N, C-alpha and C. Protein backbone atom coordinates (compact mmCIF):
# COMPACT_ATOMS: atom_id res chain seq x y z
N MET A 1 0.85 -1.25 -0.15
CA MET A 1 0.25 0.14 -0.21
C MET A 1 0.78 1.41 0.03
N LYS A 2 0.40 2.21 -1.01
CA LYS A 2 1.20 3.18 -0.89
C LYS A 2 0.69 4.66 -0.34
N ASP A 3 1.02 5.57 0.08
CA ASP A 3 0.43 6.80 1.18
C ASP A 3 1.24 8.12 0.76
N ASN A 4 0.42 8.58 -0.60
CA ASN A 4 1.26 9.83 -0.87
C ASN A 4 2.28 9.57 -1.64
N GLY A 5 2.60 8.89 -2.33
CA GLY A 5 3.83 8.30 -3.08
C GLY A 5 4.85 7.46 -2.53
N LYS A 6 4.89 7.34 -1.41
CA LYS A 6 5.42 6.52 -0.78
C LYS A 6 5.01 5.07 -0.66
N GLU A 7 5.72 4.08 -0.22
CA GLU A 7 5.46 2.79 -0.02
C GLU A 7 5.06 2.79 1.70
N LYS A 8 4.21 2.31 2.06
CA LYS A 8 3.63 2.05 3.40
C LYS A 8 3.93 0.90 3.82
N ILE A 9 4.75 0.77 4.76
CA ILE A 9 5.13 -1.11 5.50
C ILE A 9 4.14 -1.17 6.74
N GLU A 10 3.45 -2.73 6.20
CA GLU A 10 2.30 -3.12 6.93
C GLU A 10 3.25 -3.93 7.94
N PHE A 11 2.72 -3.83 9.52
CA PHE A 11 2.66 -4.31 10.75
C PHE A 11 3.17 -6.12 10.27
N GLY A 12 4.55 -6.43 10.52
CA GLY A 12 4.85 -7.86 10.11
C GLY A 12 5.48 -8.11 9.04
N GLN A 13 5.61 -7.04 8.02
CA GLN A 13 5.79 -6.96 6.95
C GLN A 13 7.52 -6.83 6.92
N GLU A 14 8.57 -7.58 6.12
CA GLU A 14 9.84 -6.93 6.18
C GLU A 14 9.75 -5.97 5.39
N PRO A 15 10.96 -5.16 5.63
CA PRO A 15 11.23 -4.19 4.52
C PRO A 15 12.03 -4.45 3.51
N ALA A 16 11.76 -4.29 2.56
CA ALA A 16 12.28 -4.47 1.25
C ALA A 16 14.31 -3.55 0.95
N LEU A 17 15.31 -4.92 1.06
CA LEU A 17 16.52 -4.48 1.13
C LEU A 17 16.73 -3.53 -0.21
N GLY A 18 17.80 -2.55 -0.10
CA GLY A 18 18.15 -1.94 -1.17
C GLY A 18 19.24 -2.88 -1.92
N PRO A 19 19.66 -2.17 -2.70
CA PRO A 19 20.31 -2.86 -3.70
C PRO A 19 22.34 -2.86 -2.82
N ALA A 20 22.56 -2.26 -1.62
CA ALA A 20 23.64 -2.50 -1.27
C ALA A 20 23.90 -3.21 -0.22
N ALA A 21 22.39 -3.74 0.23
CA ALA A 21 22.17 -4.50 0.97
C ALA A 21 22.18 -6.08 0.56
N ASP A 22 21.83 -6.00 -0.63
CA ASP A 22 21.77 -7.24 -1.36
C ASP A 22 22.82 -7.50 -1.98
N ALA A 23 23.56 -6.73 -1.96
CA ALA A 23 25.14 -7.18 -2.57
C ALA A 23 26.13 -8.28 -1.91
N PRO A 24 26.54 -9.17 -2.30
CA PRO A 24 27.32 -10.25 -1.33
C PRO A 24 28.19 -9.25 -0.48
N SER A 25 29.06 -9.48 0.53
CA SER A 25 30.08 -8.71 1.14
C SER A 25 31.27 -9.18 1.03
N ALA A 26 32.53 -8.59 0.90
CA ALA A 26 33.80 -8.54 0.60
C ALA A 26 34.41 -9.54 1.32
N GLU A 27 34.98 -10.71 1.07
CA GLU A 27 35.65 -11.59 1.93
C GLU A 27 37.01 -10.80 2.38
N THR A 28 37.89 -11.45 3.66
CA THR A 28 38.95 -10.50 4.37
C THR A 28 40.06 -11.84 3.52
N PRO A 29 41.15 -11.34 3.18
CA PRO A 29 42.10 -11.58 2.34
C PRO A 29 42.80 -12.82 3.36
N ALA A 30 42.97 -13.74 2.77
CA ALA A 30 44.04 -14.76 3.53
C ALA A 30 45.45 -14.43 3.35
N PRO A 31 45.93 -14.20 4.88
CA PRO A 31 47.39 -14.22 5.32
C PRO A 31 48.31 -14.96 4.28
N ALA A 32 49.26 -14.13 3.95
CA ALA A 32 50.12 -14.78 2.70
C ALA A 32 51.35 -15.79 3.73
N PRO A 33 51.46 -17.17 2.90
CA PRO A 33 52.23 -18.20 3.55
C PRO A 33 53.51 -17.66 4.34
N ILE A 34 54.13 -18.07 5.36
CA ILE A 34 55.34 -17.79 5.78
C ILE A 34 56.62 -18.73 4.92
N THR A 35 57.39 -17.93 4.49
CA THR A 35 58.45 -18.83 3.78
C THR A 35 59.52 -19.73 4.80
N GLU A 36 60.00 -20.31 3.92
CA GLU A 36 60.98 -21.23 4.87
C GLU A 36 62.27 -20.03 5.15
N GLU A 37 62.69 -19.35 4.80
CA GLU A 37 63.82 -18.26 4.96
C GLU A 37 63.06 -17.44 6.07
N ALA A 38 61.87 -16.94 5.99
CA ALA A 38 61.32 -16.29 7.06
C ALA A 38 61.28 -16.42 8.34
N ALA A 39 60.37 -18.15 8.06
CA ALA A 39 60.78 -18.90 9.40
C ALA A 39 62.26 -19.17 9.94
N GLU A 40 63.03 -19.45 9.25
CA GLU A 40 64.18 -19.66 9.75
C GLU A 40 64.89 -17.90 10.13
N ALA A 41 64.68 -17.11 9.67
CA ALA A 41 64.96 -15.37 10.45
C ALA A 41 64.41 -15.57 11.50
N VAL A 42 63.45 -15.65 11.65
CA VAL A 42 62.58 -15.27 13.29
C VAL A 42 63.08 -16.46 14.00
N ALA A 43 63.35 -17.90 13.90
CA ALA A 43 63.99 -18.45 15.17
C ALA A 43 65.58 -18.05 14.89
N ALA A 44 65.94 -17.70 14.31
CA ALA A 44 67.52 -17.17 14.41
C ALA A 44 67.39 -15.56 15.54
N GLY A 45 66.72 -15.33 15.15
CA GLY A 45 65.96 -14.00 16.34
C GLY A 45 65.57 -14.37 17.61
N GLU A 46 65.06 -15.42 17.84
CA GLU A 46 65.03 -15.93 19.18
C GLU A 46 66.26 -16.40 19.97
N VAL A 47 66.71 -17.60 18.96
CA VAL A 47 67.99 -17.95 19.57
C VAL A 47 69.01 -17.15 19.86
N ALA A 48 69.21 -16.10 19.27
CA ALA A 48 70.13 -15.00 19.58
C ALA A 48 69.89 -14.44 20.95
N GLU A 49 68.47 -13.78 20.85
CA GLU A 49 67.61 -13.40 22.13
C GLU A 49 67.66 -14.61 23.77
N LEU A 50 67.81 -15.60 22.93
CA LEU A 50 67.91 -16.44 24.28
C LEU A 50 69.26 -16.71 24.44
N ARG A 51 69.94 -16.53 23.54
CA ARG A 51 71.71 -16.35 23.93
C ARG A 51 72.17 -15.28 24.78
N ARG A 52 71.54 -14.24 24.15
CA ARG A 52 71.75 -13.11 25.02
C ARG A 52 71.24 -12.78 26.43
N GLN A 53 70.11 -13.58 26.80
CA GLN A 53 69.67 -13.63 28.20
C GLN A 53 70.44 -14.54 28.83
N LEU A 54 70.91 -15.69 28.27
CA LEU A 54 71.51 -16.73 29.03
C LEU A 54 73.09 -16.08 29.36
N GLU A 55 73.71 -15.60 28.65
CA GLU A 55 74.90 -14.98 28.76
C GLU A 55 74.83 -14.15 29.85
N GLU A 56 74.15 -13.03 30.03
CA GLU A 56 73.64 -12.33 31.17
C GLU A 56 73.34 -13.01 32.32
N THR A 57 72.64 -13.86 32.13
CA THR A 57 72.37 -14.96 33.52
C THR A 57 73.48 -15.36 33.85
N GLN A 58 74.36 -16.16 33.09
CA GLN A 58 75.86 -16.28 33.47
C GLN A 58 76.93 -15.24 34.16
N ALA A 59 77.08 -14.15 33.44
CA ALA A 59 77.69 -13.29 33.80
C ALA A 59 77.11 -13.13 35.34
N LYS A 60 76.07 -12.72 35.30
CA LYS A 60 75.36 -12.39 37.06
C LYS A 60 75.99 -13.55 38.03
N ALA A 61 75.84 -14.71 37.29
CA ALA A 61 75.92 -16.18 38.17
C ALA A 61 77.69 -16.24 38.81
N ASP A 62 78.67 -15.91 37.21
CA ASP A 62 79.95 -15.66 37.91
C ASP A 62 80.05 -14.41 39.06
N GLU A 63 79.69 -13.27 38.56
CA GLU A 63 79.95 -12.69 39.65
C GLU A 63 79.27 -13.00 41.46
N TYR A 64 77.99 -13.38 41.22
CA TYR A 64 77.58 -14.00 42.52
C TYR A 64 78.40 -14.73 43.29
N LEU A 65 78.98 -16.05 42.57
CA LEU A 65 79.92 -16.97 42.98
C LEU A 65 81.53 -16.07 43.36
N ASP A 66 81.81 -15.33 42.30
CA ASP A 66 83.28 -14.65 42.92
C ASP A 66 82.86 -13.66 44.04
N GLN A 67 81.76 -13.14 44.35
CA GLN A 67 81.31 -12.33 45.71
C GLN A 67 81.30 -13.24 46.57
N TRP A 68 81.08 -14.48 46.64
CA TRP A 68 80.86 -15.34 47.21
C TRP A 68 82.04 -16.19 48.04
N ARG A 69 82.61 -16.24 46.91
CA ARG A 69 84.33 -16.92 47.42
C ARG A 69 85.33 -15.95 47.74
N ARG A 70 85.10 -14.72 47.65
CA ARG A 70 85.67 -13.34 48.30
C ARG A 70 85.41 -13.83 49.64
N SER A 71 83.77 -13.47 50.15
CA SER A 71 83.46 -13.44 51.78
C SER A 71 84.00 -14.74 52.27
N VAL A 72 83.65 -16.14 51.60
CA VAL A 72 84.51 -17.08 52.32
C VAL A 72 86.36 -16.97 52.60
N ALA A 73 87.05 -16.14 51.34
CA ALA A 73 88.23 -15.97 51.62
C ALA A 73 88.38 -15.07 53.28
N GLU A 74 87.80 -14.05 52.92
CA GLU A 74 87.63 -13.32 54.22
C GLU A 74 87.23 -13.74 55.27
N PHE A 75 86.51 -14.27 54.91
CA PHE A 75 85.98 -14.84 56.65
C PHE A 75 86.77 -15.68 57.10
N SER A 76 87.52 -16.14 56.07
CA SER A 76 88.76 -17.72 56.75
C SER A 76 89.74 -16.58 57.36
N ASN A 77 90.00 -15.76 56.44
CA ASN A 77 91.24 -14.82 57.12
C ASN A 77 90.83 -13.98 58.37
N TYR A 78 89.83 -13.56 58.72
CA TYR A 78 89.42 -13.09 59.84
C TYR A 78 89.37 -14.29 60.71
N ARG A 79 89.32 -15.57 60.64
CA ARG A 79 89.06 -16.36 61.84
C ARG A 79 90.39 -16.98 61.59
N LYS A 80 91.41 -17.01 60.85
CA LYS A 80 93.07 -17.17 61.23
C LYS A 80 93.61 -16.10 61.76
N ARG A 81 93.29 -14.40 61.46
CA ARG A 81 94.00 -13.62 62.34
C ARG A 81 93.17 -13.43 63.58
N MET A 82 92.06 -13.94 63.75
CA MET A 82 91.51 -14.13 65.36
C MET A 82 92.05 -15.13 66.28
N GLU A 83 92.82 -16.25 65.71
CA GLU A 83 93.24 -17.55 66.11
C GLU A 83 94.76 -16.79 66.82
N ARG A 84 95.18 -16.19 65.67
CA ARG A 84 96.56 -15.69 66.22
C ARG A 84 96.57 -14.69 66.96
N ASP A 85 95.55 -13.91 66.90
CA ASP A 85 95.22 -12.98 68.17
C ASP A 85 95.48 -13.62 69.32
N ARG A 86 94.61 -14.45 69.37
CA ARG A 86 94.20 -15.37 70.51
C ARG A 86 95.53 -16.23 71.14
N GLN A 87 95.91 -16.57 70.09
CA GLN A 87 97.06 -17.43 70.90
C GLN A 87 98.35 -16.57 71.16
N GLU A 88 98.36 -15.21 70.35
CA GLU A 88 99.45 -14.49 71.15
C GLU A 88 99.27 -13.39 72.55
N PHE A 89 98.11 -12.98 72.63
CA PHE A 89 97.24 -13.05 74.09
C PHE A 89 97.60 -13.86 74.77
N GLN A 90 97.39 -15.34 74.34
CA GLN A 90 97.70 -16.60 75.46
C GLN A 90 99.06 -16.41 75.88
N LYS A 91 100.15 -16.38 74.94
CA LYS A 91 101.69 -16.40 75.19
C LYS A 91 101.89 -15.25 75.88
N THR A 92 101.38 -14.07 75.69
CA THR A 92 101.76 -12.77 76.17
C THR A 92 101.49 -12.62 78.00
N ALA A 93 100.14 -13.55 77.95
CA ALA A 93 99.84 -13.73 79.24
C ALA A 93 100.40 -14.69 80.05
N THR A 94 100.69 -15.76 79.33
CA THR A 94 101.52 -16.93 80.09
C THR A 94 103.10 -16.03 80.65
N ALA A 95 103.82 -15.56 79.62
CA ALA A 95 105.09 -14.96 80.02
C ALA A 95 105.11 -13.95 80.89
N ASP A 96 104.15 -13.29 81.10
CA ASP A 96 103.98 -12.23 82.09
C ASP A 96 103.86 -12.79 83.78
N PHE A 97 103.14 -14.07 83.56
CA PHE A 97 102.96 -14.95 84.68
C PHE A 97 104.08 -15.32 85.13
N LEU A 98 104.76 -15.79 84.33
CA LEU A 98 106.17 -16.84 84.69
C LEU A 98 107.01 -15.52 84.97
N LYS A 99 107.34 -14.57 84.53
CA LYS A 99 108.12 -13.20 84.96
C LYS A 99 107.62 -12.98 86.08
N ARG A 100 106.69 -13.12 86.53
CA ARG A 100 106.21 -12.72 87.91
C ARG A 100 106.75 -13.56 88.91
N LEU A 101 106.83 -14.81 88.57
CA LEU A 101 107.51 -15.81 89.69
C LEU A 101 109.07 -16.26 89.85
N LEU A 102 109.75 -15.72 88.53
CA LEU A 102 111.14 -15.63 88.92
C LEU A 102 111.67 -15.38 89.95
N PRO A 103 111.36 -14.22 90.62
CA PRO A 103 111.60 -13.77 91.98
C PRO A 103 111.61 -14.82 93.02
N VAL A 104 110.40 -15.92 92.59
CA VAL A 104 110.26 -16.68 93.83
C VAL A 104 111.58 -17.78 93.58
N VAL A 105 111.33 -17.77 92.54
CA VAL A 105 112.37 -18.96 92.13
C VAL A 105 113.84 -18.77 92.51
N ASP A 106 114.28 -17.30 92.32
CA ASP A 106 115.54 -17.09 92.81
C ASP A 106 115.69 -17.17 94.25
N ASP A 107 114.99 -16.90 94.88
CA ASP A 107 114.64 -16.90 96.42
C ASP A 107 114.92 -18.45 97.07
N MET A 108 114.41 -19.13 96.31
CA MET A 108 114.55 -20.25 96.74
C MET A 108 115.87 -20.85 96.41
N GLU A 109 116.23 -20.56 95.32
CA GLU A 109 117.80 -20.96 95.09
C GLU A 109 118.67 -20.64 96.13
N ARG A 110 118.66 -18.96 96.33
CA ARG A 110 119.68 -18.32 96.91
C ARG A 110 119.14 -18.95 98.41
N ALA A 111 118.46 -19.50 98.50
CA ALA A 111 118.15 -20.14 100.33
C ALA A 111 118.54 -21.18 100.13
N PHE A 112 118.59 -22.28 99.02
CA PHE A 112 119.23 -23.54 99.13
C PHE A 112 120.87 -23.42 98.83
N ALA A 113 121.37 -22.10 98.14
CA ALA A 113 123.06 -22.15 97.89
C ALA A 113 123.30 -21.81 99.15
N HIS A 114 122.88 -21.06 100.38
CA HIS A 114 122.93 -20.73 101.85
C HIS A 114 122.76 -21.80 102.58
N LEU A 115 122.21 -22.88 102.62
CA LEU A 115 121.80 -23.63 103.49
C LEU A 115 123.01 -24.35 104.42
N PRO A 116 122.45 -23.94 105.62
CA PRO A 116 124.08 -24.47 106.60
C PRO A 116 124.08 -26.33 106.41
N ALA A 117 125.24 -26.32 106.72
CA ALA A 117 125.50 -28.34 106.47
C ALA A 117 124.80 -29.15 107.32
N ASP A 118 124.33 -28.25 108.55
CA ASP A 118 123.91 -29.36 109.61
C ASP A 118 122.55 -29.35 109.41
N LEU A 119 121.69 -28.41 108.14
CA LEU A 119 120.61 -28.66 107.72
C LEU A 119 120.24 -29.28 106.75
N ALA A 120 120.86 -29.77 105.98
CA ALA A 120 120.63 -30.45 104.57
C ALA A 120 120.13 -31.71 104.48
N GLY A 121 120.12 -32.42 105.82
CA GLY A 121 119.69 -33.73 105.28
C GLY A 121 118.19 -33.53 106.96
N HIS A 122 117.61 -32.48 106.71
CA HIS A 122 116.40 -31.87 107.80
C HIS A 122 115.47 -32.72 106.79
N GLU A 123 114.33 -33.21 107.51
CA GLU A 123 112.80 -33.46 106.76
C GLU A 123 112.49 -32.00 106.09
N TRP A 124 112.33 -31.35 107.10
CA TRP A 124 111.59 -30.24 106.31
C TRP A 124 112.32 -29.13 105.06
N VAL A 125 113.67 -29.49 105.21
CA VAL A 125 114.38 -28.62 103.68
C VAL A 125 114.25 -29.44 102.87
N ILE A 126 114.33 -31.05 102.84
CA ILE A 126 114.03 -31.95 102.12
C ILE A 126 112.56 -31.99 101.43
N GLY A 127 111.52 -31.37 102.06
CA GLY A 127 110.49 -31.21 101.75
C GLY A 127 109.98 -29.80 100.76
N MET A 128 111.04 -28.65 101.24
CA MET A 128 111.04 -27.34 100.43
C MET A 128 111.88 -27.71 99.13
N GLN A 129 112.64 -28.93 98.93
CA GLN A 129 113.51 -29.10 98.09
C GLN A 129 112.52 -29.86 97.17
N MET A 130 111.94 -30.61 97.67
CA MET A 130 110.51 -31.44 96.51
C MET A 130 109.81 -30.26 95.70
N VAL A 131 109.11 -29.42 96.89
CA VAL A 131 108.08 -28.21 96.74
C VAL A 131 108.97 -27.45 95.48
N TYR A 132 110.34 -27.19 95.77
CA TYR A 132 110.91 -26.24 94.22
C TYR A 132 111.18 -27.19 93.13
N GLN A 133 111.35 -28.38 93.09
CA GLN A 133 111.15 -29.25 91.97
C GLN A 133 110.48 -29.54 91.54
N LYS A 134 108.79 -29.44 92.06
CA LYS A 134 107.60 -29.62 91.42
C LYS A 134 107.53 -28.35 90.42
N LEU A 135 108.08 -27.45 91.39
CA LEU A 135 107.63 -25.66 90.64
C LEU A 135 108.90 -25.70 89.21
N GLN A 136 109.96 -26.44 89.25
CA GLN A 136 110.68 -26.27 88.35
C GLN A 136 109.78 -27.11 87.13
N ASP A 137 109.51 -28.65 87.40
CA ASP A 137 109.12 -29.20 86.61
C ASP A 137 107.78 -28.30 86.26
N LEU A 138 107.07 -27.62 86.85
CA LEU A 138 105.73 -26.77 86.11
C LEU A 138 105.83 -25.76 85.23
N LEU A 139 107.02 -25.04 85.75
CA LEU A 139 107.34 -23.96 84.79
C LEU A 139 108.17 -24.56 83.62
N ARG A 140 108.64 -25.44 83.77
CA ARG A 140 109.42 -26.24 82.52
C ARG A 140 108.30 -26.61 81.48
N GLN A 141 106.92 -27.41 82.18
CA GLN A 141 105.55 -27.72 81.36
C GLN A 141 105.13 -26.36 80.28
N GLU A 142 105.32 -25.52 81.17
CA GLU A 142 104.60 -24.36 80.64
C GLU A 142 105.10 -23.27 79.32
N GLY A 143 106.39 -23.82 79.54
CA GLY A 143 107.17 -23.52 77.80
C GLY A 143 108.66 -22.38 78.83
N LEU A 144 109.27 -22.54 80.17
CA LEU A 144 110.27 -21.51 80.39
C LEU A 144 111.24 -22.74 80.55
N GLN A 145 112.63 -21.83 80.04
CA GLN A 145 113.76 -22.47 79.52
C GLN A 145 114.63 -21.47 80.21
N PRO A 146 115.91 -22.30 81.27
CA PRO A 146 116.81 -21.18 81.48
C PRO A 146 117.70 -21.18 80.11
N ILE A 147 118.27 -19.87 80.29
CA ILE A 147 119.43 -19.80 79.74
C ILE A 147 120.54 -20.10 79.64
N GLU A 148 121.48 -20.51 78.74
CA GLU A 148 122.63 -21.53 78.91
C GLU A 148 123.74 -20.06 78.90
N ALA A 149 124.46 -20.06 79.74
CA ALA A 149 125.47 -19.29 80.09
C ALA A 149 126.99 -19.83 80.67
N GLU A 150 126.72 -20.43 81.42
CA GLU A 150 128.36 -20.98 82.14
C GLU A 150 129.17 -21.51 80.91
N GLY A 151 130.26 -20.97 80.81
CA GLY A 151 131.30 -21.46 79.85
C GLY A 151 130.85 -21.27 78.78
N GLY A 152 130.25 -20.63 78.03
CA GLY A 152 129.89 -20.23 76.95
C GLY A 152 130.82 -18.79 76.71
N GLN A 153 130.15 -18.38 75.23
CA GLN A 153 130.72 -16.67 74.87
C GLN A 153 129.12 -15.78 75.43
N PHE A 154 129.37 -14.69 75.91
CA PHE A 154 128.54 -13.73 76.08
C PHE A 154 127.87 -13.16 74.67
N ASP A 155 126.70 -13.30 74.87
CA ASP A 155 125.88 -12.98 73.72
C ASP A 155 124.85 -11.80 74.10
N PRO A 156 124.80 -10.45 73.81
CA PRO A 156 124.29 -9.51 74.27
C PRO A 156 122.63 -9.60 74.15
N LEU A 157 121.96 -10.54 73.15
CA LEU A 157 120.99 -10.86 73.05
C LEU A 157 120.20 -11.60 74.30
N TYR A 158 121.06 -12.49 74.91
CA TYR A 158 120.98 -13.90 76.30
C TYR A 158 121.36 -13.32 77.51
N HIS A 159 122.35 -12.24 77.14
CA HIS A 159 123.28 -12.38 78.50
C HIS A 159 123.53 -10.52 79.40
N GLU A 160 123.44 -10.52 80.24
CA GLU A 160 123.97 -8.77 80.62
C GLU A 160 125.22 -9.16 81.65
N ALA A 161 126.02 -8.62 81.24
CA ALA A 161 127.70 -8.18 81.68
C ALA A 161 127.58 -7.40 83.17
N VAL A 162 127.64 -8.10 83.97
CA VAL A 162 127.70 -6.86 85.18
C VAL A 162 129.18 -6.97 85.91
N SER A 163 130.20 -7.70 84.96
CA SER A 163 131.61 -7.23 85.38
C SER A 163 132.38 -7.51 84.53
N ASN A 164 133.46 -7.30 83.95
CA ASN A 164 134.45 -7.59 83.32
C ASN A 164 135.64 -7.87 83.76
N GLU A 165 136.22 -9.19 83.80
CA GLU A 165 137.46 -9.54 84.81
C GLU A 165 138.69 -9.62 83.96
N GLU A 166 139.61 -9.16 84.13
CA GLU A 166 140.83 -9.78 83.15
C GLU A 166 141.13 -11.20 83.55
N SER A 167 141.58 -12.13 82.62
CA SER A 167 141.82 -13.32 82.61
C SER A 167 143.03 -13.62 82.09
N THR A 168 144.06 -14.80 82.19
CA THR A 168 145.11 -15.30 81.44
C THR A 168 144.40 -16.38 80.57
N GLU A 169 143.25 -16.96 81.88
CA GLU A 169 142.98 -18.43 81.05
C GLU A 169 141.81 -18.40 80.18
N HIS A 170 141.14 -17.64 79.77
CA HIS A 170 139.83 -17.50 79.22
C HIS A 170 139.88 -16.29 78.15
N GLU A 171 139.38 -16.40 76.98
CA GLU A 171 139.14 -15.74 75.69
C GLU A 171 138.30 -14.80 76.15
N ASP A 172 138.37 -13.56 75.52
CA ASP A 172 137.54 -12.55 75.70
C ASP A 172 136.14 -12.91 75.24
N GLY A 173 135.66 -12.14 75.64
CA GLY A 173 134.13 -12.58 75.63
C GLY A 173 133.53 -13.71 76.65
N ALA A 174 134.49 -14.51 77.13
CA ALA A 174 133.95 -15.98 77.66
C ALA A 174 133.64 -15.60 79.08
N ILE A 175 131.88 -16.46 79.11
CA ILE A 175 132.00 -16.15 80.57
C ILE A 175 132.16 -16.91 82.11
N ILE A 176 132.69 -16.42 82.46
CA ILE A 176 133.19 -17.04 83.90
C ILE A 176 132.62 -17.30 85.13
N GLY A 177 131.52 -16.40 85.04
CA GLY A 177 130.36 -16.84 86.38
C GLY A 177 129.27 -16.53 86.23
N VAL A 178 128.28 -16.73 86.59
CA VAL A 178 126.52 -16.43 86.24
C VAL A 178 126.29 -16.38 87.69
N VAL A 179 125.59 -14.83 87.56
CA VAL A 179 125.60 -13.97 88.98
C VAL A 179 124.03 -14.30 89.23
N ARG A 180 123.08 -14.15 87.96
CA ARG A 180 121.48 -14.98 87.78
C ARG A 180 121.31 -15.45 87.06
N ARG A 181 120.46 -16.17 87.08
CA ARG A 181 119.94 -17.44 86.02
C ARG A 181 119.56 -16.26 85.17
N GLY A 182 119.32 -16.49 83.71
CA GLY A 182 118.09 -15.99 83.25
C GLY A 182 117.29 -16.93 82.33
N TYR A 183 116.00 -16.53 81.79
CA TYR A 183 114.87 -17.32 81.47
C TYR A 183 114.41 -16.84 80.28
N ARG A 184 114.12 -17.89 79.58
CA ARG A 184 113.49 -17.11 77.98
C ARG A 184 112.14 -18.33 78.03
N PHE A 185 110.96 -17.88 76.88
CA PHE A 185 109.84 -18.41 76.86
C PHE A 185 109.75 -18.45 75.62
N GLY A 186 109.56 -19.95 75.12
CA GLY A 186 110.05 -19.72 73.25
C GLY A 186 110.90 -18.94 72.99
N ASP A 187 110.48 -18.07 71.87
CA ASP A 187 111.83 -17.12 71.27
C ASP A 187 111.84 -15.61 72.10
N ARG A 188 111.12 -15.97 73.15
CA ARG A 188 110.96 -14.54 73.94
C ARG A 188 112.23 -14.65 75.08
N VAL A 189 112.89 -13.62 75.37
CA VAL A 189 113.45 -13.55 76.49
C VAL A 189 113.12 -13.04 77.69
N LEU A 190 112.34 -13.60 78.56
CA LEU A 190 111.82 -13.13 79.56
C LEU A 190 113.20 -12.21 80.58
N ARG A 191 113.79 -13.16 80.74
CA ARG A 191 115.43 -11.86 81.61
C ARG A 191 116.47 -12.73 80.89
N PRO A 192 117.21 -11.47 80.83
CA PRO A 192 118.71 -12.34 80.38
C PRO A 192 119.52 -12.54 81.22
N ALA A 193 120.46 -13.70 81.23
CA ALA A 193 121.33 -14.27 82.51
C ALA A 193 122.35 -12.76 82.79
N GLN A 194 122.29 -12.17 84.07
CA GLN A 194 123.33 -11.72 84.86
C GLN A 194 125.11 -12.39 84.51
N VAL A 195 125.95 -11.69 83.81
CA VAL A 195 126.95 -12.70 83.61
C VAL A 195 128.40 -12.04 84.10
N ARG A 196 129.63 -12.87 84.42
CA ARG A 196 130.63 -12.11 84.67
C ARG A 196 131.45 -12.43 83.23
N VAL A 197 132.12 -11.64 82.67
CA VAL A 197 132.41 -11.91 81.25
C VAL A 197 133.95 -11.48 81.39
N ALA A 198 134.72 -12.86 80.50
CA ALA A 198 136.53 -12.08 81.19
C ALA A 198 137.13 -11.32 79.73
N ARG A 199 138.04 -10.79 80.28
CA ARG A 199 138.67 -9.95 79.17
C ARG A 199 140.36 -10.49 79.46
N ARG A 200 140.65 -11.06 77.92
CA ARG A 200 142.13 -11.51 78.09
C ARG A 200 143.22 -10.84 78.27
N ARG A 201 143.72 -11.04 79.43
CA ARG A 201 145.04 -10.39 79.98
C ARG A 201 146.60 -11.20 79.06
N LYS A 202 147.29 -10.32 78.01
CA LYS A 202 147.81 -10.68 76.87
C LYS A 202 149.30 -10.94 77.79
N VAL A 203 150.35 -12.25 77.77
CA VAL A 203 151.53 -11.94 78.06
C VAL A 203 152.73 -11.33 77.16
N SER A 204 153.35 -10.49 77.81
CA SER A 204 154.31 -9.81 77.17
C SER A 204 155.30 -9.92 77.06
N GLU A 205 156.21 -9.67 75.55
CA GLU A 205 157.64 -10.32 75.78
C GLU A 205 158.82 -10.63 76.93
N ALA A 206 158.82 -9.45 77.84
CA ALA A 206 159.61 -9.23 78.69
C ALA A 206 159.15 -10.16 79.99
N GLY A 207 157.85 -11.05 79.81
CA GLY A 207 157.31 -11.82 81.05
C GLY A 207 156.29 -10.97 81.57
N GLY A 208 155.73 -10.12 81.40
CA GLY A 208 154.98 -9.33 82.08
C GLY A 208 153.46 -9.78 81.62
N THR A 209 152.70 -9.19 81.82
CA THR A 209 151.07 -9.33 81.28
C THR A 209 150.80 -7.80 80.68
N GLU A 210 149.77 -7.74 79.86
CA GLU A 210 148.87 -6.34 79.97
C GLU A 210 147.64 -6.85 79.27
N ALA A 211 146.56 -5.90 79.51
CA ALA A 211 145.50 -6.14 79.36
C ALA A 211 145.09 -6.10 77.81
N SER A 212 144.08 -6.87 77.31
CA SER A 212 143.58 -6.91 75.99
C SER A 212 142.68 -5.66 75.70
N SER A 213 143.36 -5.10 74.27
CA SER A 213 142.90 -3.83 74.32
C SER A 213 141.36 -3.61 73.87
N SER A 214 140.43 -4.70 73.52
CA SER A 214 139.15 -5.04 73.14
C SER A 214 138.39 -5.01 74.50
């Protein structure tokens, strides 16, 4: 039915489609197939990227490993240094303690050296000698060693000269007597030995003697 020259659409009637609607729709063109060369290029790029990431990861792993090794070495050196310091402190403390005991040892030696003959066999004296021997054994176990001096040559590192005496029977620098015993602890000299040192007296052609110039 038409009204005033226009087509009137009744209820329920589908409108007529124009020419554009009746035309078939254009199809999307299919993608061009990937050539073998292009696939290889893509794969090579992916491999290069993976290789770069692997190299970066390996570099970081090497850096972390190097830092760990340095930390282990530093800690090991720290422990060794602490152990050396502890041992050195212990040696110093022991040396100081032993040095403080030396006057006691000197007093006991002087007492026995001037012991009256009638008391030599007394039980009390024998008991004190046993105590002195035990003290000597204990000091020896702790590392205390007497410095050899009697009959040797004077050495300023281990001996202290309290007198120089002319002698025709000894060479220059020979130790002819020990005034006070010296002691060492390991390579440390706790106390040098006090000694009497000989000075050679030469015999002149006229039969007299003359002191050595040294």
